[in-house]
Amino acid sequence: MFKKKQMEIILLRHGKPSIPSLNKLSASSFDEWVREYNLSGLCASSKPTMKAFSRARKCNVIVCSDLPRSIESAKALNAGDVFLSNAIFNEAGLPVAKWNTLKLSPKLWAVTFRVLWLLGYSRNSESFKEAKERAIEAVKKLTEIAHEYDSVLFVGHGVYNRILANELRRSGWSGPKNPGSKHWSMGVYECEKT
């Protein structure tokens, strides 16, 4: 009996990035902090897990966002050249606010604005709906690449990987609902090649 070929997409979260100062700041200043964070590469001490190394070596193609932490994580896997790096794969944006009175740590602002974003607040950012629409296009691109190369390692971001996982599953791929939120964690998604 002839066995159909499986395609595989691995959604891997980037390694731990260099994080700008975690000093308390206003919501207005948080916008600049996010810009700095998006320009940050990998923290020098962040090394891929053996599981990530092993999985990367088995993949035929590596794809990542165009943010430095994603690109540097892909290169740290020593599994070959990055096939595609594109903004369509970037982390879902965070909204901003011009609030100056309250000062919180950047981590608390990130959680606050992510929750507000999920509830529909998207000032100066793509909305949740727009991020899902972008994910549909990203999954089409990843599926095209998987169809040609069989196995794709995607080095992405925590929130966006989860949106991609939902879209992959909605599109007929099997795999975990959550690909993992820790740095270097991953989810494996499979689909029969047609």
Protein backbone atom coordinates (compact mmCIF):
# COMPACT_ATOMS: atom_id res chain seq x y z
CA MET A 1 0.00 0.00 0.00
CA PHE A 2 1.34 3.42 -1.00
CA LYS A 3 1.73 5.79 1.96
CA LYS A 4 1.02 9.46 1.31
CA LYS A 5 3.83 11.90 2.00
CA GLN A 6 3.46 14.16 5.03
CA MET A 7 4.34 17.84 5.06
CA GLU A 8 5.56 19.36 8.29
CA ILE A 9 5.69 22.90 9.69
CA ILE A 10 7.40 23.47 13.02
CA LEU A 11 6.48 26.67 14.86
CA LEU A 12 9.41 27.50 17.14
CA ARG A 13 9.57 30.53 19.43
CA HIS A 14 12.77 32.57 19.20
CA GLY A 15 15.39 32.50 21.96
CA LYS A 16 15.53 35.00 24.81
CA PRO A 17 16.21 38.48 23.43
CA SER A 18 18.27 41.28 24.90
CA ILE A 19 15.69 43.31 26.73
CA PRO A 20 15.88 47.08 27.17
CA SER A 21 15.74 48.45 30.71
CA LEU A 22 12.90 47.13 32.86
CA ASN A 23 12.61 50.35 34.86
CA LYS A 24 9.08 51.62 35.42
CA LEU A 25 7.78 53.95 32.75
CA SER A 26 4.59 55.60 31.56
CA ALA A 27 2.38 54.14 28.86
CA SER A 28 3.57 56.94 26.56
CA SER A 29 7.19 55.85 27.06
CA PHE A 30 6.29 52.17 26.61
CA ASP A 31 5.83 52.77 22.87
CA GLU A 32 9.54 53.68 22.58
CA TRP A 33 10.48 50.68 24.75
CA VAL A 34 8.66 48.37 22.29
CA ARG A 35 10.55 49.93 19.37
CA GLU A 36 13.86 49.26 21.18
CA TYR A 37 12.76 45.71 21.98
CA ASN A 38 11.93 45.07 18.32
CA LEU A 39 15.46 46.16 17.37
CA SER A 40 17.02 43.81 19.95
CA GLY A 41 18.78 40.64 19.01
CA LEU A 42 19.38 37.53 21.07
CA CYS A 43 20.72 37.68 24.60
CA ALA A 44 24.31 36.31 24.55
CA SER A 45 23.40 33.59 27.06
CA SER A 46 20.37 32.33 25.10
CA LYS A 47 21.30 29.06 23.42
CA PRO A 48 18.95 26.72 21.55
CA THR A 49 17.84 23.57 23.35
CA MET A 50 19.07 20.21 22.08
CA LYS A 51 15.49 19.50 20.97
CA ALA A 52 15.47 22.71 18.89
CA PHE A 53 18.89 21.87 17.37
CA SER A 54 17.77 18.35 16.53
CA ARG A 55 14.48 19.45 14.96
CA ALA A 56 16.15 22.24 12.96
CA ARG A 57 18.62 19.78 11.41
CA LYS A 58 15.74 17.60 10.20
CA CYS A 59 14.02 20.48 8.40
CA ASN A 60 14.72 21.31 4.78
CA VAL A 61 13.97 25.05 5.04
CA ILE A 62 14.10 27.74 7.72
CA VAL A 63 11.71 30.71 7.65
CA CYS A 64 11.57 33.58 10.15
CA SER A 65 10.23 37.07 10.73
CA ASP A 66 12.36 40.08 9.87
CA LEU A 67 12.87 41.06 13.52
CA PRO A 68 16.46 40.61 14.79
CA ARG A 69 15.53 38.22 17.63
CA SER A 70 13.93 35.86 15.11
CA ILE A 71 16.72 36.08 12.52
CA GLU A 72 19.46 35.60 15.13
CA SER A 73 17.59 32.64 16.64
CA ALA A 74 17.31 31.00 13.22
CA LYS A 75 21.05 31.46 12.65
CA ALA A 76 21.88 30.16 16.15
CA LEU A 77 20.37 26.80 15.16
CA ASN A 78 23.25 26.22 12.70
CA ALA A 79 20.90 24.41 10.35
CA GLY A 80 21.65 26.26 7.14
CA ASP A 81 20.71 29.55 5.58
CA VAL A 82 17.42 31.27 6.24
CA PHE A 83 15.23 30.59 3.21
CA LEU A 84 12.84 33.48 3.85
CA SER A 85 12.71 36.35 6.34
CA ASN A 86 9.64 38.55 6.00
CA ALA A 87 7.56 41.05 8.00
CA ILE A 88 4.42 38.98 7.32
CA PHE A 89 5.79 36.70 10.06
CA ASN A 90 6.49 39.46 12.65
CA GLU A 91 5.00 39.40 16.13
CA ALA A 92 1.49 40.81 16.50
CA GLY A 93 1.82 44.49 17.34
CA LEU A 94 0.97 46.09 20.66
CA PRO A 95 -1.29 49.13 20.86
CA VAL A 96 -0.16 52.31 22.60
CA ALA A 97 -1.70 54.98 24.78
CA LYS A 98 -0.69 58.50 25.70
CA TRP A 99 -1.10 57.99 29.44
CA ASN A 100 1.57 59.74 31.49
CA THR A 101 0.42 59.49 35.11
CA LEU A 102 0.76 55.78 35.89
CA LYS A 103 4.21 54.16 35.74
CA LEU A 104 4.57 50.38 35.47
CA SER A 105 7.29 47.94 34.44
CA PRO A 106 7.43 47.21 30.69
CA LYS A 107 6.35 43.61 31.42
CA LEU A 108 3.16 44.83 33.10
CA TRP A 109 2.46 47.28 30.27
CA ALA A 110 2.97 44.45 27.75
CA VAL A 111 0.43 42.23 29.54
CA THR A 112 -2.00 45.14 29.96
CA PHE A 113 -1.83 46.20 26.32
CA ARG A 114 -2.00 42.59 25.04
CA VAL A 115 -5.20 42.01 27.03
CA LEU A 116 -6.63 45.32 25.78
CA TRP A 117 -5.61 44.31 22.23
CA LEU A 118 -7.45 41.00 22.55
CA LEU A 119 -10.49 42.97 23.71
CA GLY A 120 -10.38 45.20 20.62
CA TYR A 121 -8.14 48.15 21.57
CA SER A 122 -5.56 48.68 18.79
CA ARG A 123 -4.48 52.34 18.78
CA ASN A 124 -1.47 52.80 16.45
CA SER A 125 -1.23 49.04 15.94
CA GLU A 126 -2.75 46.35 13.80
CA SER A 127 -5.94 44.99 15.31
CA PHE A 128 -6.40 41.39 16.41
CA LYS A 129 -8.56 40.89 13.30
CA GLU A 130 -5.78 42.31 11.08
CA ALA A 131 -3.19 40.04 12.76
CA LYS A 132 -5.45 37.03 12.05
CA GLU A 133 -5.82 38.12 8.41
CA ARG A 134 -2.03 38.44 8.16
CA ALA A 135 -1.71 34.97 9.70
CA ILE A 136 -3.97 33.54 6.98
CA GLU A 137 -1.54 34.87 4.36
CA ALA A 138 1.46 33.66 6.37
CA VAL A 139 0.00 30.14 6.62
CA LYS A 140 -0.63 30.11 2.85
CA LYS A 141 3.04 31.03 2.34
CA LEU A 142 4.30 28.43 4.83
CA THR A 143 2.05 25.79 3.22
CA GLU A 144 3.41 26.62 -0.26
CA ILE A 145 6.96 26.25 1.06
CA ALA A 146 6.10 22.99 2.87
CA HIS A 147 4.50 21.64 -0.29
CA GLU A 148 7.74 22.25 -2.19
CA TYR A 149 10.27 21.34 0.54
CA ASP A 150 8.27 18.93 2.78
CA SER A 151 9.52 20.29 6.13
CA VAL A 152 9.71 23.91 7.27
CA LEU A 153 11.08 25.30 10.51
CA PHE A 154 9.45 28.63 11.30
CA VAL A 155 11.26 30.72 13.93
CA GLY A 156 8.64 33.14 15.17
CA HIS A 157 7.12 34.82 18.19
CA GLY A 158 4.96 33.86 21.16
CA VAL A 159 1.62 35.47 20.36
CA TYR A 160 1.90 35.25 16.58
CA ASN A 161 2.91 31.57 16.69
CA ARG A 162 -0.28 30.88 18.60
CA ILE A 163 -2.34 32.72 15.97
CA LEU A 164 -0.51 30.76 13.25
CA ALA A 165 -1.19 27.48 15.09
CA ASN A 166 -4.91 28.25 15.16
CA GLU A 167 -4.89 29.05 11.46
CA LEU A 168 -2.87 25.92 10.58
CA ARG A 169 -5.34 23.74 12.49
CA ARG A 170 -8.29 25.54 10.87
CA SER A 171 -6.67 24.84 7.48
CA GLY A 172 -6.48 21.07 8.08
CA TRP A 173 -3.07 20.71 9.72
CA SER A 174 -2.83 18.53 12.83
CA GLY A 175 -0.80 19.66 15.82
CA PRO A 176 -1.06 21.23 19.26
CA LYS A 177 -3.38 24.12 19.98
CA ASN A 178 -0.50 25.93 21.68
CA PRO A 179 2.98 25.59 20.14
CA GLY A 180 4.61 26.72 23.39
CA SER A 181 5.29 30.07 24.97
CA LYS A 182 8.78 29.52 26.40
CA HIS A 183 11.83 30.58 24.43
CA TRP A 184 12.98 27.78 22.07
CA SER A 185 9.68 25.87 22.59
CA MET A 186 7.93 24.45 19.55
CA GLY A 187 4.87 22.76 18.11
CA VAL A 188 4.90 20.34 15.18
CA TYR A 189 2.11 20.52 12.58
CA GLU A 190 1.55 17.88 9.91
CA CYS A 191 -0.61 17.58 6.82
CA GLU A 192 -0.81 15.05 4.01
CA LYS A 193 0.77 16.21 0.78
CA THR A 194 -1.84 16.36 -1.97
